[in-house]
Amino acid sequence: MVNSFFSTNRYFDNKNYPHGFSRHGHFTIREAQLLERFGHAYNDLENGTRDPITDDEQKFILVCHGKLTPSNEHEKVWYKYIKHTRHPKRFHTLSGGKPQMEIVEDYTEIED
């Protein structure tokens, strides 16, 4: 796996992780390092702008298209990244979902 996922540039996602992958809390230190080092290769392989060179990269593409489940660290970290950036975030509330408003009646006092 020496030449797999080779990239010369660091990968940063300033939109979703403006302070870096390791400072956000979603990724371990190792996962953050993998994303920074190989993120461009992961992204290019998934988008089809880069052709796979090794069997690992070919398998990675199958995982990206949902045909296989992630099994190695490259596949797992990219799957985790995609899950956090492309799927809507869940928001939980205790109010029951409907806005609760007090009914206020308008009235005027009549002075005698």
C-alpha atoms as a PDB file:
ATOM      1  CA  MET A   1       0.000   0.000   0.000  1.00  0.00           C
ATOM      2  CA  VAL A   2       2.981   2.253  -0.596  1.00  0.00           C
ATOM      3  CA  ASN A   3       1.595   4.118  -3.621  1.00  0.00           C
ATOM      4  CA  SER A   4      -2.076   3.953  -2.663  1.00  0.00           C
ATOM      5  CA  PHE A   5      -3.847   7.261  -2.069  1.00  0.00           C
ATOM      6  CA  PHE A   6      -0.723   9.286  -2.882  1.00  0.00           C
ATOM      7  CA  SER A   7      -1.225  13.049  -2.746  1.00  0.00           C
ATOM      8  CA  THR A   8       1.252  15.929  -2.552  1.00  0.00           C
ATOM      9  CA  ASN A   9      -1.172  18.487  -1.077  1.00  0.00           C
ATOM     10  CA  ARG A  10      -2.730  18.669   2.356  1.00  0.00           C
ATOM     11  CA  TYR A  11      -6.523  18.457   2.513  1.00  0.00           C
ATOM     12  CA  PHE A  12      -8.477  21.023   4.523  1.00  0.00           C
ATOM     13  CA  ASP A  13     -12.219  21.573   4.771  1.00  0.00           C
ATOM     14  CA  ASN A  14     -12.598  25.168   5.905  1.00  0.00           C
ATOM     15  CA  LYS A  15     -16.365  25.114   5.434  1.00  0.00           C
ATOM     16  CA  ASN A  16     -17.149  22.222   7.792  1.00  0.00           C
ATOM     17  CA  TYR A  17     -13.975  22.140   9.908  1.00  0.00           C
ATOM     18  CA  PRO A  18     -12.530  25.681   9.998  1.00  0.00           C
ATOM     19  CA  HIS A  19     -10.208  24.895  12.908  1.00  0.00           C
ATOM     20  CA  GLY A  20      -8.961  21.599  11.491  1.00  0.00           C
ATOM     21  CA  PHE A  21     -10.100  17.992  11.714  1.00  0.00           C
ATOM     22  CA  SER A  22      -8.348  17.244  14.997  1.00  0.00           C
ATOM     23  CA  ARG A  23      -9.867  20.193  16.876  1.00  0.00           C
ATOM     24  CA  HIS A  24     -13.492  19.533  16.036  1.00  0.00           C
ATOM     25  CA  GLY A  25     -14.014  16.362  18.046  1.00  0.00           C
ATOM     26  CA  HIS A  26     -15.405  14.064  15.355  1.00  0.00           C
ATOM     27  CA  PHE A  27     -12.093  12.409  14.516  1.00  0.00           C
ATOM     28  CA  THR A  28      -9.245  10.812  16.416  1.00  0.00           C
ATOM     29  CA  ILE A  29      -5.731  12.142  15.929  1.00  0.00           C
ATOM     30  CA  ARG A  30      -4.924   9.288  13.545  1.00  0.00           C
ATOM     31  CA  GLU A  31      -8.104   9.878  11.524  1.00  0.00           C
ATOM     32  CA  ALA A  32      -7.386  13.618  11.304  1.00  0.00           C
ATOM     33  CA  GLN A  33      -3.879  12.868  10.044  1.00  0.00           C
ATOM     34  CA  LEU A  34      -5.241  10.489   7.392  1.00  0.00           C
ATOM     35  CA  LEU A  35      -7.753  13.070   6.187  1.00  0.00           C
ATOM     36  CA  GLU A  36      -5.140  15.814   5.970  1.00  0.00           C
ATOM     37  CA  ARG A  37      -2.594  13.622   4.208  1.00  0.00           C
ATOM     38  CA  PHE A  38      -4.804  11.629   1.828  1.00  0.00           C
ATOM     39  CA  GLY A  39      -8.020  13.692   1.615  1.00  0.00           C
ATOM     40  CA  HIS A  40      -7.384  14.986  -1.898  1.00  0.00           C
ATOM     41  CA  ALA A  41      -6.854  11.443  -3.146  1.00  0.00           C
ATOM     42  CA  TYR A  42     -10.016  10.234  -1.377  1.00  0.00           C
ATOM     43  CA  ASN A  43     -12.055  13.062  -2.856  1.00  0.00           C
ATOM     44  CA  ASP A  44     -10.654  12.665  -6.377  1.00  0.00           C
ATOM     45  CA  LEU A  45     -11.239   8.910  -6.348  1.00  0.00           C
ATOM     46  CA  GLU A  46     -14.814   9.332  -5.179  1.00  0.00           C
ATOM     47  CA  ASN A  47     -15.592  12.032  -7.773  1.00  0.00           C
ATOM     48  CA  GLY A  48     -13.944  10.102 -10.598  1.00  0.00           C
ATOM     49  CA  THR A  49     -11.337  12.763 -11.393  1.00  0.00           C
ATOM     50  CA  ARG A  50      -8.568  10.322 -10.526  1.00  0.00           C
ATOM     51  CA  ASP A  51      -8.262   6.787 -11.836  1.00  0.00           C
ATOM     52  CA  PRO A  52      -7.482   4.037  -9.329  1.00  0.00           C
ATOM     53  CA  ILE A  53      -3.884   2.822  -9.444  1.00  0.00           C
ATOM     54  CA  THR A  54      -3.976  -0.045  -6.955  1.00  0.00           C
ATOM     55  CA  ASP A  55      -6.497  -2.649  -5.878  1.00  0.00           C
ATOM     56  CA  ASP A  56      -6.974  -0.741  -2.606  1.00  0.00           C
ATOM     57  CA  GLU A  57      -8.052   2.353  -4.520  1.00  0.00           C
ATOM     58  CA  GLN A  58     -10.415   0.295  -6.694  1.00  0.00           C
ATOM     59  CA  LYS A  59     -11.970  -1.186  -3.556  1.00  0.00           C
ATOM     60  CA  PHE A  60     -12.194   2.322  -2.075  1.00  0.00           C
ATOM     61  CA  ILE A  61     -14.306   3.446  -5.050  1.00  0.00           C
ATOM     62  CA  LEU A  62     -16.669   0.501  -4.537  1.00  0.00           C
ATOM     63  CA  VAL A  63     -17.042   1.499  -0.878  1.00  0.00           C
ATOM     64  CA  CYS A  64     -17.779   5.114  -1.891  1.00  0.00           C
ATOM     65  CA  HIS A  65     -20.548   3.940  -4.211  1.00  0.00           C
ATOM     66  CA  GLY A  66     -22.087   1.769  -1.478  1.00  0.00           C
ATOM     67  CA  LYS A  67     -21.258  -1.591  -3.038  1.00  0.00           C
ATOM     68  CA  LEU A  68     -18.982  -2.702  -0.184  1.00  0.00           C
ATOM     69  CA  THR A  69     -18.740  -1.892   3.502  1.00  0.00           C
ATOM     70  CA  PRO A  70     -15.651  -0.029   4.755  1.00  0.00           C
ATOM     71  CA  SER A  71     -12.975  -2.386   6.043  1.00  0.00           C
ATOM     72  CA  ASN A  72      -9.599  -0.595   6.180  1.00  0.00           C
ATOM     73  CA  GLU A  73      -8.686   2.685   7.857  1.00  0.00           C
ATOM     74  CA  HIS A  74      -8.791   4.720   4.635  1.00  0.00           C
ATOM     75  CA  GLU A  75     -12.307   3.571   3.817  1.00  0.00           C
ATOM     76  CA  LYS A  76     -13.553   3.980   7.384  1.00  0.00           C
ATOM     77  CA  VAL A  77     -12.223   7.505   7.866  1.00  0.00           C
ATOM     78  CA  TRP A  78     -13.632   8.741   4.540  1.00  0.00           C
ATOM     79  CA  TYR A  79     -16.991   7.108   5.272  1.00  0.00           C
ATOM     80  CA  LYS A  80     -17.016   8.837   8.656  1.00  0.00           C
ATOM     81  CA  TYR A  81     -16.092  12.170   7.053  1.00  0.00           C
ATOM     82  CA  ILE A  82     -18.882  11.840   4.484  1.00  0.00           C
ATOM     83  CA  LYS A  83     -21.361  10.922   7.200  1.00  0.00           C
ATOM     84  CA  HIS A  84     -20.547  14.076   9.180  1.00  0.00           C
ATOM     85  CA  THR A  85     -20.452  16.488   6.244  1.00  0.00           C
ATOM     86  CA  ARG A  86     -23.151  15.380   3.811  1.00  0.00           C
ATOM     87  CA  HIS A  87     -25.967  14.077   5.964  1.00  0.00           C
ATOM     88  CA  PRO A  88     -28.282  16.436   7.830  1.00  0.00           C
ATOM     89  CA  LYS A  89     -27.529  16.937  11.475  1.00  0.00           C
ATOM     90  CA  ARG A  90     -30.094  15.710  13.957  1.00  0.00           C
ATOM     91  CA  PHE A  91     -31.497  18.208  16.354  1.00  0.00           C
ATOM     92  CA  HIS A  92     -33.301  17.081  19.485  1.00  0.00           C
ATOM     93  CA  THR A  93     -35.662  19.229  21.453  1.00  0.00           C
ATOM     94  CA  LEU A  94     -37.710  18.761  24.585  1.00  0.00           C
ATOM     95  CA  SER A  95     -40.653  20.886  23.514  1.00  0.00           C
ATOM     96  CA  GLY A  96     -42.495  18.245  21.522  1.00  0.00           C
ATOM     97  CA  GLY A  97     -41.973  19.853  18.154  1.00  0.00           C
ATOM     98  CA  LYS A  98     -44.798  22.392  18.092  1.00  0.00           C
ATOM     99  CA  PRO A  99     -44.122  25.952  19.130  1.00  0.00           C
ATOM    100  CA  GLN A 100     -45.974  26.779  22.290  1.00  0.00           C
ATOM    101  CA  MET A 101     -47.497  30.228  22.409  1.00  0.00           C
ATOM    102  CA  GLU A 102     -49.608  31.829  25.040  1.00  0.00           C
ATOM    103  CA  ILE A 103     -52.895  33.180  23.812  1.00  0.00           C
ATOM    104  CA  VAL A 104     -53.172  36.831  24.696  1.00  0.00           C
ATOM    105  CA  GLU A 105     -56.547  38.457  24.377  1.00  0.00           C
ATOM    106  CA  ASP A 106     -56.725  42.059  23.392  1.00  0.00           C
ATOM    107  CA  TYR A 107     -59.110  44.054  25.501  1.00  0.00           C
ATOM    108  CA  THR A 108     -59.562  47.599  26.563  1.00  0.00           C
ATOM    109  CA  GLU A 109     -60.611  48.744  29.948  1.00  0.00           C
ATOM    110  CA  ILE A 110     -63.621  50.963  30.117  1.00  0.00           C
ATOM    111  CA  GLU A 111     -63.485  53.559  32.821  1.00  0.00           C
ATOM    112  CA  ASP A 112     -66.726  54.717  34.433  1.00  0.00           C
END
